[in-house]
Amino acid sequence: MRSTPLELAISHDRRAPVLRLSGDIDLATCPTVEAALAVRLRRAPALLVVDLGAVGFIGSCGLELLAETRRTALGSVRVAACVPAVLRAMEVTGTIEAIAPYRTVADALTVDA
């Protein structure tokens, strides 16, 4: 089975930067996601939203990376717009509470944590 290439894009909502990921997050692409998160978090934003709406697969390395990033970031990191397969991976691995995904990017940008 071939993985879907990972693509990253950053947009800047007036409230926070949004890191949009598409493709698969697996052992091969996890370091790229980690580096992108590190670059965004180096600026210590009060909020960073990670949009997983176009991620079709996420492996345990990606789930652990998101959970750890949420735990250690100085600001708030909110994961949003997960497709059912990604939500199911979070449920099966027990990371859904640590990641605490928002239904939509708009929710992540507007809901007070």
C-alpha atoms as a PDB file:
ATOM      1  CA  MET A   1       0.000   0.000   0.000  1.00  0.00           C
ATOM      2  CA  ARG A   2       1.409   3.370  -1.007  1.00  0.00           C
ATOM      3  CA  SER A   3       0.968   6.348   1.239  1.00  0.00           C
ATOM      4  CA  THR A   4      -0.420   9.642   0.019  1.00  0.00           C
ATOM      5  CA  PRO A   5       2.324  12.298  -0.089  1.00  0.00           C
ATOM      6  CA  LEU A   6       2.199  14.775   2.752  1.00  0.00           C
ATOM      7  CA  GLU A   7       1.615  18.435   1.958  1.00  0.00           C
ATOM      8  CA  LEU A   8       1.751  21.326   4.400  1.00  0.00           C
ATOM      9  CA  ALA A   9       0.425  24.856   4.139  1.00  0.00           C
ATOM     10  CA  ILE A  10       0.204  27.670   6.633  1.00  0.00           C
ATOM     11  CA  SER A  11      -2.410  30.363   6.673  1.00  0.00           C
ATOM     12  CA  HIS A  12      -2.812  33.189   9.102  1.00  0.00           C
ATOM     13  CA  ASP A  13      -6.258  33.807  10.459  1.00  0.00           C
ATOM     14  CA  ARG A  14      -6.417  37.068  12.378  1.00  0.00           C
ATOM     15  CA  ARG A  15      -6.709  35.008  15.573  1.00  0.00           C
ATOM     16  CA  ALA A  16      -4.012  32.402  14.971  1.00  0.00           C
ATOM     17  CA  PRO A  17      -1.854  30.579  12.446  1.00  0.00           C
ATOM     18  CA  VAL A  18      -3.442  27.474  10.922  1.00  0.00           C
ATOM     19  CA  LEU A  19      -1.172  24.615   9.843  1.00  0.00           C
ATOM     20  CA  ARG A  20      -3.048  22.633   7.172  1.00  0.00           C
ATOM     21  CA  LEU A  21      -1.856  19.106   6.541  1.00  0.00           C
ATOM     22  CA  SER A  22      -2.938  16.813   3.735  1.00  0.00           C
ATOM     23  CA  GLY A  23      -1.921  13.287   2.840  1.00  0.00           C
ATOM     24  CA  ASP A  24      -0.721  10.605   5.227  1.00  0.00           C
ATOM     25  CA  ILE A  25       1.125  11.061   8.501  1.00  0.00           C
ATOM     26  CA  ASP A  26       3.251   7.954   9.028  1.00  0.00           C
ATOM     27  CA  LEU A  27       6.816   7.011   9.967  1.00  0.00           C
ATOM     28  CA  ALA A  28       8.137   8.517   6.746  1.00  0.00           C
ATOM     29  CA  THR A  29       6.355  11.874   7.091  1.00  0.00           C
ATOM     30  CA  CYS A  30       6.199  12.343  10.862  1.00  0.00           C
ATOM     31  CA  PRO A  31       9.592  14.141  11.017  1.00  0.00           C
ATOM     32  CA  THR A  32       8.299  16.687   8.491  1.00  0.00           C
ATOM     33  CA  VAL A  33       5.214  17.353  10.618  1.00  0.00           C
ATOM     34  CA  GLU A  34       7.370  17.615  13.740  1.00  0.00           C
ATOM     35  CA  ALA A  35       9.650  20.153  12.055  1.00  0.00           C
ATOM     36  CA  ALA A  36       6.688  22.211  10.816  1.00  0.00           C
ATOM     37  CA  LEU A  37       5.181  22.290  14.303  1.00  0.00           C
ATOM     38  CA  ALA A  38       8.528  23.271  15.828  1.00  0.00           C
ATOM     39  CA  VAL A  39       8.933  26.180  13.405  1.00  0.00           C
ATOM     40  CA  ARG A  40       5.426  27.476  14.145  1.00  0.00           C
ATOM     41  CA  LEU A  41       5.766  27.028  17.910  1.00  0.00           C
ATOM     42  CA  ARG A  42       9.191  28.693  18.043  1.00  0.00           C
ATOM     43  CA  ARG A  43       7.323  31.988  17.692  1.00  0.00           C
ATOM     44  CA  ALA A  44       5.287  31.057  20.806  1.00  0.00           C
ATOM     45  CA  PRO A  45       1.833  31.880  19.438  1.00  0.00           C
ATOM     46  CA  ALA A  46      -0.999  32.014  21.969  1.00  0.00           C
ATOM     47  CA  LEU A  47      -2.853  29.593  19.671  1.00  0.00           C
ATOM     48  CA  LEU A  48      -1.880  27.284  16.809  1.00  0.00           C
ATOM     49  CA  VAL A  49      -4.559  25.318  14.946  1.00  0.00           C
ATOM     50  CA  VAL A  50      -3.596  22.097  13.166  1.00  0.00           C
ATOM     51  CA  ASP A  51      -6.096  21.285  10.412  1.00  0.00           C
ATOM     52  CA  LEU A  52      -6.242  17.544   9.669  1.00  0.00           C
ATOM     53  CA  GLY A  53      -9.236  17.775   7.332  1.00  0.00           C
ATOM     54  CA  ALA A  54      -7.284  16.406   4.375  1.00  0.00           C
ATOM     55  CA  VAL A  55      -5.302  13.747   6.273  1.00  0.00           C
ATOM     56  CA  GLY A  56      -6.500  10.295   5.269  1.00  0.00           C
ATOM     57  CA  PHE A  57      -4.248   8.279   7.568  1.00  0.00           C
ATOM     58  CA  ILE A  58      -2.342   8.988  10.753  1.00  0.00           C
ATOM     59  CA  GLY A  59      -0.047   6.463  12.375  1.00  0.00           C
ATOM     60  CA  SER A  60       0.802   6.149  16.040  1.00  0.00           C
ATOM     61  CA  CYS A  61       3.890   8.348  15.594  1.00  0.00           C
ATOM     62  CA  GLY A  62       1.679  11.209  14.380  1.00  0.00           C
ATOM     63  CA  LEU A  63      -0.851  10.706  17.146  1.00  0.00           C
ATOM     64  CA  GLU A  64       1.856  10.724  19.811  1.00  0.00           C
ATOM     65  CA  LEU A  65       3.452  13.794  18.215  1.00  0.00           C
ATOM     66  CA  LEU A  66       0.160  15.719  18.373  1.00  0.00           C
ATOM     67  CA  ALA A  67      -0.542  14.645  21.957  1.00  0.00           C
ATOM     68  CA  GLU A  68       2.997  15.546  23.079  1.00  0.00           C
ATOM     69  CA  THR A  69       2.887  18.878  21.253  1.00  0.00           C
ATOM     70  CA  ARG A  70      -0.365  19.780  23.000  1.00  0.00           C
ATOM     71  CA  ARG A  71       1.171  18.860  26.375  1.00  0.00           C
ATOM     72  CA  THR A  72       4.415  20.783  25.962  1.00  0.00           C
ATOM     73  CA  ALA A  73       3.550  23.869  23.894  1.00  0.00           C
ATOM     74  CA  LEU A  74       3.674  27.209  25.675  1.00  0.00           C
ATOM     75  CA  GLY A  75       0.456  28.284  23.936  1.00  0.00           C
ATOM     76  CA  SER A  76      -2.639  26.357  23.002  1.00  0.00           C
ATOM     77  CA  VAL A  77      -2.422  23.813  20.165  1.00  0.00           C
ATOM     78  CA  ARG A  78      -5.799  22.762  18.796  1.00  0.00           C
ATOM     79  CA  VAL A  79      -6.314  19.932  16.329  1.00  0.00           C
ATOM     80  CA  ALA A  80      -9.351  20.285  14.081  1.00  0.00           C
ATOM     81  CA  ALA A  81     -11.433  18.907  11.211  1.00  0.00           C
ATOM     82  CA  CYS A  82     -10.420  15.255  11.545  1.00  0.00           C
ATOM     83  CA  VAL A  83     -11.875  12.792   9.051  1.00  0.00           C
ATOM     84  CA  PRO A  84     -13.556   9.671  10.503  1.00  0.00           C
ATOM     85  CA  ALA A  85     -10.515   7.429   9.906  1.00  0.00           C
ATOM     86  CA  VAL A  86      -8.285   9.816  11.877  1.00  0.00           C
ATOM     87  CA  LEU A  87     -10.825  10.096  14.707  1.00  0.00           C
ATOM     88  CA  ARG A  88     -11.051   6.293  14.800  1.00  0.00           C
ATOM     89  CA  ALA A  89      -7.263   6.022  15.086  1.00  0.00           C
ATOM     90  CA  MET A  90      -7.388   8.418  18.041  1.00  0.00           C
ATOM     91  CA  GLU A  91     -10.118   6.352  19.692  1.00  0.00           C
ATOM     92  CA  VAL A  92      -8.363   3.008  19.167  1.00  0.00           C
ATOM     93  CA  THR A  93      -5.028   4.268  20.492  1.00  0.00           C
ATOM     94  CA  GLY A  94      -6.533   6.143  23.433  1.00  0.00           C
ATOM     95  CA  THR A  95      -5.098   9.490  22.323  1.00  0.00           C
ATOM     96  CA  ILE A  96      -8.435  11.201  21.627  1.00  0.00           C
ATOM     97  CA  GLU A  97      -8.595  12.798  25.094  1.00  0.00           C
ATOM     98  CA  ALA A  98      -4.995  14.022  24.927  1.00  0.00           C
ATOM     99  CA  ILE A  99      -5.492  15.459  21.433  1.00  0.00           C
ATOM    100  CA  ALA A 100      -9.059  16.715  22.086  1.00  0.00           C
ATOM    101  CA  PRO A 101      -9.954  17.445  18.456  1.00  0.00           C
ATOM    102  CA  TYR A 102     -12.346  20.221  17.471  1.00  0.00           C
ATOM    103  CA  ARG A 103     -15.029  19.487  14.896  1.00  0.00           C
ATOM    104  CA  THR A 104     -14.009  22.330  12.572  1.00  0.00           C
ATOM    105  CA  VAL A 105     -11.196  24.834  12.158  1.00  0.00           C
ATOM    106  CA  ALA A 106     -13.710  27.609  12.858  1.00  0.00           C
ATOM    107  CA  ASP A 107     -14.580  25.944  16.180  1.00  0.00           C
ATOM    108  CA  ALA A 108     -10.903  25.685  17.080  1.00  0.00           C
ATOM    109  CA  LEU A 109     -10.415  29.360  16.317  1.00  0.00           C
ATOM    110  CA  THR A 110     -13.434  30.604  18.246  1.00  0.00           C
ATOM    111  CA  VAL A 111     -14.069  28.291  21.192  1.00  0.00           C
ATOM    112  CA  ASP A 112     -12.431  29.351  24.441  1.00  0.00           C
ATOM    113  CA  ALA A 113     -10.352  26.567  25.937  1.00  0.00           C
END
